[in-house]
C-alpha atoms as a PDB file:
ATOM      1  CA  MET A   1      -0.058   0.045  -0.082  1.00  0.00           C
ATOM      2  CA  ASN A   2       1.930   3.101  -1.191  1.00  0.00           C
ATOM      3  CA  GLN A   3      -0.947   5.630  -0.541  1.00  0.00           C
ATOM      4  CA  ILE A   4      -1.878   7.210   2.761  1.00  0.00           C
ATOM      5  CA  LEU A   5      -5.330   7.184   4.170  1.00  0.00           C
ATOM      6  CA  VAL A   6      -6.131  10.663   5.330  1.00  0.00           C
ATOM      7  CA  GLY A   7      -9.066  11.268   7.566  1.00  0.00           C
ATOM      8  CA  GLN A   8     -10.432  14.229   9.720  1.00  0.00           C
ATOM      9  CA  LYS A   9      -8.305  13.700  12.663  1.00  0.00           C
ATOM     10  CA  VAL A  10      -5.874  10.809  11.350  1.00  0.00           C
ATOM     11  CA  LYS A  11      -3.855   9.599   8.757  1.00  0.00           C
ATOM     12  CA  LEU A  12      -3.176   5.663   8.299  1.00  0.00           C
ATOM     13  CA  ARG A  13       0.319   4.782   6.640  1.00  0.00           C
ATOM     14  CA  ALA A  14       2.090   1.717   6.049  1.00  0.00           C
ATOM     15  CA  LEU A  15       4.553   0.195   8.513  1.00  0.00           C
ATOM     16  CA  GLU A  16       8.188   1.708   7.992  1.00  0.00           C
ATOM     17  CA  LEU A  17      11.362   0.143   9.300  1.00  0.00           C
ATOM     18  CA  GLU A  18      11.684   3.408  11.483  1.00  0.00           C
ATOM     19  CA  ASP A  19       8.554   1.980  13.321  1.00  0.00           C
ATOM     20  CA  VAL A  20      10.291  -0.868  14.949  1.00  0.00           C
ATOM     21  CA  ASN A  21      10.947   0.918  18.315  1.00  0.00           C
ATOM     22  CA  LEU A  22       7.292   1.951  18.405  1.00  0.00           C
ATOM     23  CA  LEU A  23       6.151  -1.750  17.709  1.00  0.00           C
ATOM     24  CA  TYR A  24       8.677  -2.897  20.090  1.00  0.00           C
ATOM     25  CA  ASN A  25       7.207  -0.901  22.924  1.00  0.00           C
ATOM     26  CA  TRP A  26       3.546  -1.322  21.958  1.00  0.00           C
ATOM     27  CA  GLU A  27       3.651  -5.068  21.256  1.00  0.00           C
ATOM     28  CA  ASN A  28       5.637  -5.833  24.506  1.00  0.00           C
ATOM     29  CA  ASP A  29       3.452  -4.016  26.930  1.00  0.00           C
ATOM     30  CA  PRO A  30       1.865  -6.685  28.987  1.00  0.00           C
ATOM     31  CA  GLU A  31      -1.087  -4.430  29.384  1.00  0.00           C
ATOM     32  CA  PHE A  32      -2.289  -5.374  26.050  1.00  0.00           C
ATOM     33  CA  TRP A  33      -1.209  -9.104  25.816  1.00  0.00           C
ATOM     34  CA  ASP A  34      -4.382 -10.444  26.606  1.00  0.00           C
ATOM     35  CA  ILE A  35      -6.308  -8.665  23.575  1.00  0.00           C
ATOM     36  CA  SER A  36      -3.467  -9.091  21.241  1.00  0.00           C
ATOM     37  CA  ILE A  37      -3.075 -12.829  22.279  1.00  0.00           C
ATOM     38  CA  THR A  38       0.838 -12.339  22.797  1.00  0.00           C
ATOM     39  CA  LYS A  39       2.241 -14.067  25.505  1.00  0.00           C
ATOM     40  CA  SER A  40       5.812 -13.243  25.276  1.00  0.00           C
ATOM     41  CA  PRO A  41       8.259 -10.533  24.490  1.00  0.00           C
ATOM     42  CA  LEU A  42       9.009  -9.942  20.943  1.00  0.00           C
ATOM     43  CA  SER A  43      12.662  -9.033  19.819  1.00  0.00           C
ATOM     44  CA  LYS A  44      13.498  -5.995  17.571  1.00  0.00           C
ATOM     45  CA  HIS A  45      14.742  -8.496  15.166  1.00  0.00           C
ATOM     46  CA  LEU A  46      11.640 -10.284  14.799  1.00  0.00           C
ATOM     47  CA  LEU A  47       9.799  -7.048  14.390  1.00  0.00           C
ATOM     48  CA  GLU A  48      11.959  -5.919  11.660  1.00  0.00           C
ATOM     49  CA  GLN A  49      11.493  -8.995   9.815  1.00  0.00           C
ATOM     50  CA  TYR A  50       7.753  -8.651  10.277  1.00  0.00           C
ATOM     51  CA  ILE A  51       8.042  -4.915   8.935  1.00  0.00           C
ATOM     52  CA  ILE A  52       9.821  -6.362   5.828  1.00  0.00           C
ATOM     53  CA  ASN A  53       7.479  -9.054   4.970  1.00  0.00           C
ATOM     54  CA  ALA A  54       4.482  -6.834   5.633  1.00  0.00           C
ATOM     55  CA  GLN A  55       5.407  -4.954   2.532  1.00  0.00           C
ATOM     56  CA  GLN A  56       4.210  -7.823   0.404  1.00  0.00           C
ATOM     57  CA  ASP A  57       0.803  -7.839  -0.862  1.00  0.00           C
ATOM     58  CA  VAL A  58      -2.015  -7.676   1.339  1.00  0.00           C
ATOM     59  CA  PHE A  59      -3.698 -10.642  -0.369  1.00  0.00           C
ATOM     60  CA  ASP A  60      -0.548 -12.700   0.028  1.00  0.00           C
ATOM     61  CA  ASN A  61      -0.110 -11.852   3.629  1.00  0.00           C
ATOM     62  CA  LYS A  62      -3.801 -11.823   4.387  1.00  0.00           C
ATOM     63  CA  GLN A  63      -3.079  -9.147   6.958  1.00  0.00           C
ATOM     64  CA  LEU A  64      -2.608  -5.442   6.838  1.00  0.00           C
ATOM     65  CA  ARG A  65      -1.064  -3.362   9.694  1.00  0.00           C
ATOM     66  CA  LEU A  66      -1.258   0.386   9.537  1.00  0.00           C
ATOM     67  CA  ILE A  67       0.172   3.072  11.764  1.00  0.00           C
ATOM     68  CA  ILE A  68      -2.408   5.840  13.156  1.00  0.00           C
ATOM     69  CA  VAL A  69      -0.890   9.306  13.034  1.00  0.00           C
ATOM     70  CA  GLU A  70      -2.919  11.794  14.602  1.00  0.00           C
ATOM     71  CA  GLN A  71      -3.265  14.842  12.189  1.00  0.00           C
ATOM     72  CA  ILE A  72      -2.276  17.891  14.428  1.00  0.00           C
ATOM     73  CA  SER A  73       0.759  16.381  16.134  1.00  0.00           C
ATOM     74  CA  GLN A  74       1.846  14.260  13.157  1.00  0.00           C
ATOM     75  CA  LEU A  75       2.736  11.737  15.711  1.00  0.00           C
ATOM     76  CA  PRO A  76       1.946   7.811  15.704  1.00  0.00           C
ATOM     77  CA  VAL A  77      -0.753   7.066  18.515  1.00  0.00           C
ATOM     78  CA  GLY A  78      -1.792   3.423  17.612  1.00  0.00           C
ATOM     79  CA  MET A  79      -2.248   1.043  14.932  1.00  0.00           C
ATOM     80  CA  ILE A  80      -5.010  -0.757  13.264  1.00  0.00           C
ATOM     81  CA  ASP A  81      -4.817  -4.429  12.075  1.00  0.00           C
ATOM     82  CA  LEU A  82      -6.874  -6.159   9.364  1.00  0.00           C
ATOM     83  CA  TYR A  83      -6.140  -9.838   9.775  1.00  0.00           C
ATOM     84  CA  ASP A  84      -7.472 -13.163   8.302  1.00  0.00           C
ATOM     85  CA  ILE A  85      -8.235 -11.375   5.163  1.00  0.00           C
ATOM     86  CA  ASP A  86     -10.669 -13.854   3.158  1.00  0.00           C
ATOM     87  CA  LEU A  87     -11.007 -12.587  -0.462  1.00  0.00           C
ATOM     88  CA  TYR A  88     -13.332 -15.545  -1.588  1.00  0.00           C
ATOM     89  CA  HIS A  89     -15.578 -14.871   1.550  1.00  0.00           C
ATOM     90  CA  SER A  90     -14.859 -11.200   1.082  1.00  0.00           C
ATOM     91  CA  LYS A  91     -14.272 -10.456   4.973  1.00  0.00           C
ATOM     92  CA  ALA A  92     -11.555  -9.568   7.339  1.00  0.00           C
ATOM     93  CA  GLY A  93     -11.284  -9.099  11.074  1.00  0.00           C
ATOM     94  CA  VAL A  94     -10.168  -5.706  12.324  1.00  0.00           C
ATOM     95  CA  GLY A  95      -8.517  -4.867  15.816  1.00  0.00           C
ATOM     96  CA  ILE A  96      -7.233  -1.266  16.748  1.00  0.00           C
ATOM     97  CA  LEU A  97      -5.003   0.184  19.387  1.00  0.00           C
ATOM     98  CA  ILE A  98      -4.798   3.715  20.508  1.00  0.00           C
ATOM     99  CA  TYR A  99      -1.832   3.217  22.775  1.00  0.00           C
ATOM    100  CA  ASN A 100      -1.565   5.969  25.270  1.00  0.00           C
ATOM    101  CA  SER A 101      -4.865   6.448  27.471  1.00  0.00           C
ATOM    102  CA  LEU A 102      -4.407  10.455  26.859  1.00  0.00           C
ATOM    103  CA  ASP A 103      -5.017   9.910  23.110  1.00  0.00           C
ATOM    104  CA  ARG A 104      -8.311   7.976  23.612  1.00  0.00           C
ATOM    105  CA  LYS A 105     -11.853   9.410  23.497  1.00  0.00           C
ATOM    106  CA  LYS A 106     -10.539  11.941  20.936  1.00  0.00           C
ATOM    107  CA  GLY A 107     -12.268  10.662  18.010  1.00  0.00           C
ATOM    108  CA  LEU A 108      -8.912   9.204  16.835  1.00  0.00           C
ATOM    109  CA  ALA A 109     -10.281   5.413  16.625  1.00  0.00           C
ATOM    110  CA  GLU A 110     -13.640   6.395  15.150  1.00  0.00           C
ATOM    111  CA  ASP A 111     -11.847   8.160  12.421  1.00  0.00           C
ATOM    112  CA  THR A 112      -9.690   5.550  11.897  1.00  0.00           C
ATOM    113  CA  LEU A 113     -12.593   2.713  11.473  1.00  0.00           C
ATOM    114  CA  LYS A 114     -14.167   4.928   9.007  1.00  0.00           C
ATOM    115  CA  LEU A 115     -11.056   5.130   6.947  1.00  0.00           C
ATOM    116  CA  VAL A 116     -10.665   1.352   6.971  1.00  0.00           C
ATOM    117  CA  GLN A 117     -14.093   0.867   6.349  1.00  0.00           C
ATOM    118  CA  GLU A 118     -14.184   2.911   3.388  1.00  0.00           C
ATOM    119  CA  TYR A 119     -10.493   1.419   2.077  1.00  0.00           C
ATOM    120  CA  THR A 120     -11.709  -2.181   2.685  1.00  0.00           C
ATOM    121  CA  VAL A 121     -14.969  -1.867   0.681  1.00  0.00           C
ATOM    122  CA  ASN A 122     -13.566   0.615  -2.239  1.00  0.00           C
ATOM    123  CA  THR A 123     -10.047  -0.518  -2.681  1.00  0.00           C
ATOM    124  CA  LEU A 124      -9.765  -4.248  -1.471  1.00  0.00           C
ATOM    125  CA  GLY A 125     -13.394  -5.079  -2.325  1.00  0.00           C
ATOM    126  CA  LEU A 126     -14.410  -6.807   0.874  1.00  0.00           C
ATOM    127  CA  SER A 127     -17.977  -6.686   1.901  1.00  0.00           C
ATOM    128  CA  GLN A 128     -17.513  -7.339   5.687  1.00  0.00           C
ATOM    129  CA  LEU A 129     -15.277  -6.536   8.542  1.00  0.00           C
ATOM    130  CA  TYR A 130     -15.634  -8.244  12.083  1.00  0.00           C
ATOM    131  CA  ALA A 131     -14.364  -8.014  15.463  1.00  0.00           C
ATOM    132  CA  HIS A 132     -14.299  -9.823  18.703  1.00  0.00           C
ATOM    133  CA  ILE A 133     -14.641  -7.504  21.730  1.00  0.00           C
ATOM    134  CA  PHE A 134     -14.748  -8.599  25.435  1.00  0.00           C
ATOM    135  CA  THR A 135     -18.131  -8.168  27.000  1.00  0.00           C
ATOM    136  CA  ASP A 136     -16.586  -5.719  29.612  1.00  0.00           C
ATOM    137  CA  ASN A 137     -14.760  -3.333  27.274  1.00  0.00           C
ATOM    138  CA  THR A 138     -17.397  -0.814  26.847  1.00  0.00           C
ATOM    139  CA  ASP A 139     -15.233   1.699  25.277  1.00  0.00           C
ATOM    140  CA  SER A 140     -14.662  -0.661  22.389  1.00  0.00           C
ATOM    141  CA  ILE A 141     -18.200  -1.733  22.202  1.00  0.00           C
ATOM    142  CA  ARG A 142     -19.452   1.925  22.130  1.00  0.00           C
ATOM    143  CA  LEU A 143     -16.718   2.562  19.318  1.00  0.00           C
ATOM    144  CA  PHE A 144     -17.761  -0.037  17.204  1.00  0.00           C
ATOM    145  CA  GLU A 145     -21.435   0.490  17.490  1.00  0.00           C
ATOM    146  CA  LYS A 146     -20.638   4.181  16.432  1.00  0.00           C
ATOM    147  CA  ALA A 147     -18.874   2.807  13.340  1.00  0.00           C
ATOM    148  CA  ASN A 148     -22.053   0.826  12.416  1.00  0.00           C
ATOM    149  CA  PHE A 149     -20.823  -2.515  13.605  1.00  0.00           C
ATOM    150  CA  THR A 150     -23.605  -4.440  14.768  1.00  0.00           C
ATOM    151  CA  GLN A 151     -23.525  -7.252  17.635  1.00  0.00           C
ATOM    152  CA  GLN A 152     -24.185 -10.569  16.197  1.00  0.00           C
ATOM    153  CA  GLY A 153     -23.662 -12.932  19.028  1.00  0.00           C
ATOM    154  CA  LEU A 154     -21.946 -13.823  22.459  1.00  0.00           C
ATOM    155  CA  ILE A 155     -18.756 -16.216  22.450  1.00  0.00           C
ATOM    156  CA  LYS A 156     -18.752 -17.921  25.754  1.00  0.00           C
ATOM    157  CA  GLN A 157     -15.158 -18.270  27.338  1.00  0.00           C
ATOM    158  CA  TRP A 158     -13.543 -16.937  24.138  1.00  0.00           C
ATOM    159  CA  LEU A 159     -10.088 -16.289  25.636  1.00  0.00           C
ATOM    160  CA  ARG A 160      -8.273 -16.802  28.779  1.00  0.00           C
ATOM    161  CA  VAL A 161      -6.783 -13.745  30.243  1.00  0.00           C
ATOM    162  CA  SER A 162      -3.832 -13.756  32.640  1.00  0.00           C
ATOM    163  CA  GLY A 163      -3.610 -17.560  32.246  1.00  0.00           C
ATOM    164  CA  LYS A 164      -6.671 -18.095  34.525  1.00  0.00           C
ATOM    165  CA  VAL A 165      -9.814 -16.177  33.683  1.00  0.00           C
ATOM    166  CA  TRP A 166     -11.943 -17.050  30.836  1.00  0.00           C
ATOM    167  CA  LYS A 167     -13.604 -14.129  29.293  1.00  0.00           C
ATOM    168  CA  ASP A 168     -16.617 -13.952  26.983  1.00  0.00           C
ATOM    169  CA  ALA A 169     -16.749 -11.766  23.783  1.00  0.00           C
ATOM    170  CA  TYR A 170     -19.077 -10.263  21.714  1.00  0.00           C
ATOM    171  CA  PHE A 171     -18.940 -10.736  17.722  1.00  0.00           C
ATOM    172  CA  TYR A 172     -19.428  -7.752  15.847  1.00  0.00           C
ATOM    173  CA  GLN A 173     -20.021  -7.348  12.037  1.00  0.00           C
ATOM    174  CA  TYR A 174     -19.910  -4.351   9.672  1.00  0.00           C
ATOM    175  CA  PHE A 175     -21.368  -4.947   6.306  1.00  0.00           C
ATOM    176  CA  GLY A 176     -20.009  -2.404   3.621  1.00  0.00           C
END
């Protein structure tokens, strides 16, 4: 993806090798391991290889990670992932991270989701996006519902967090 997606509050850009330190900090923050399914630290070398391979075709990788850059400061504030991209069934999973709590609740994630919805429908030709959201994550539930995702069901004991507690999740879908 050579283009930069530009919204009202954010722009989305492809990963660059210079992002390795950002990814290193974000991916290795245990606060987010339960929602990212990460259970151990990642090395800078592994992340560099990931960034190099991420430059390949989105349809070959079946994944696309974009850096969220806040328009005013021009600083990276998070990332959005499209994963399990399935051309045959015309769908992809979506996950979003606004890393610093001070950058949340400013409309950055909402603007990001809108850009990704337009991009997946108009450029990638997908007809739906989906997300799994823990039932107690009210901020994410509100965000995805604002972005016209609809709750389709409850998944019991979807993920085990902190190695001991099972958490339920809602399954959300967006149809473009």
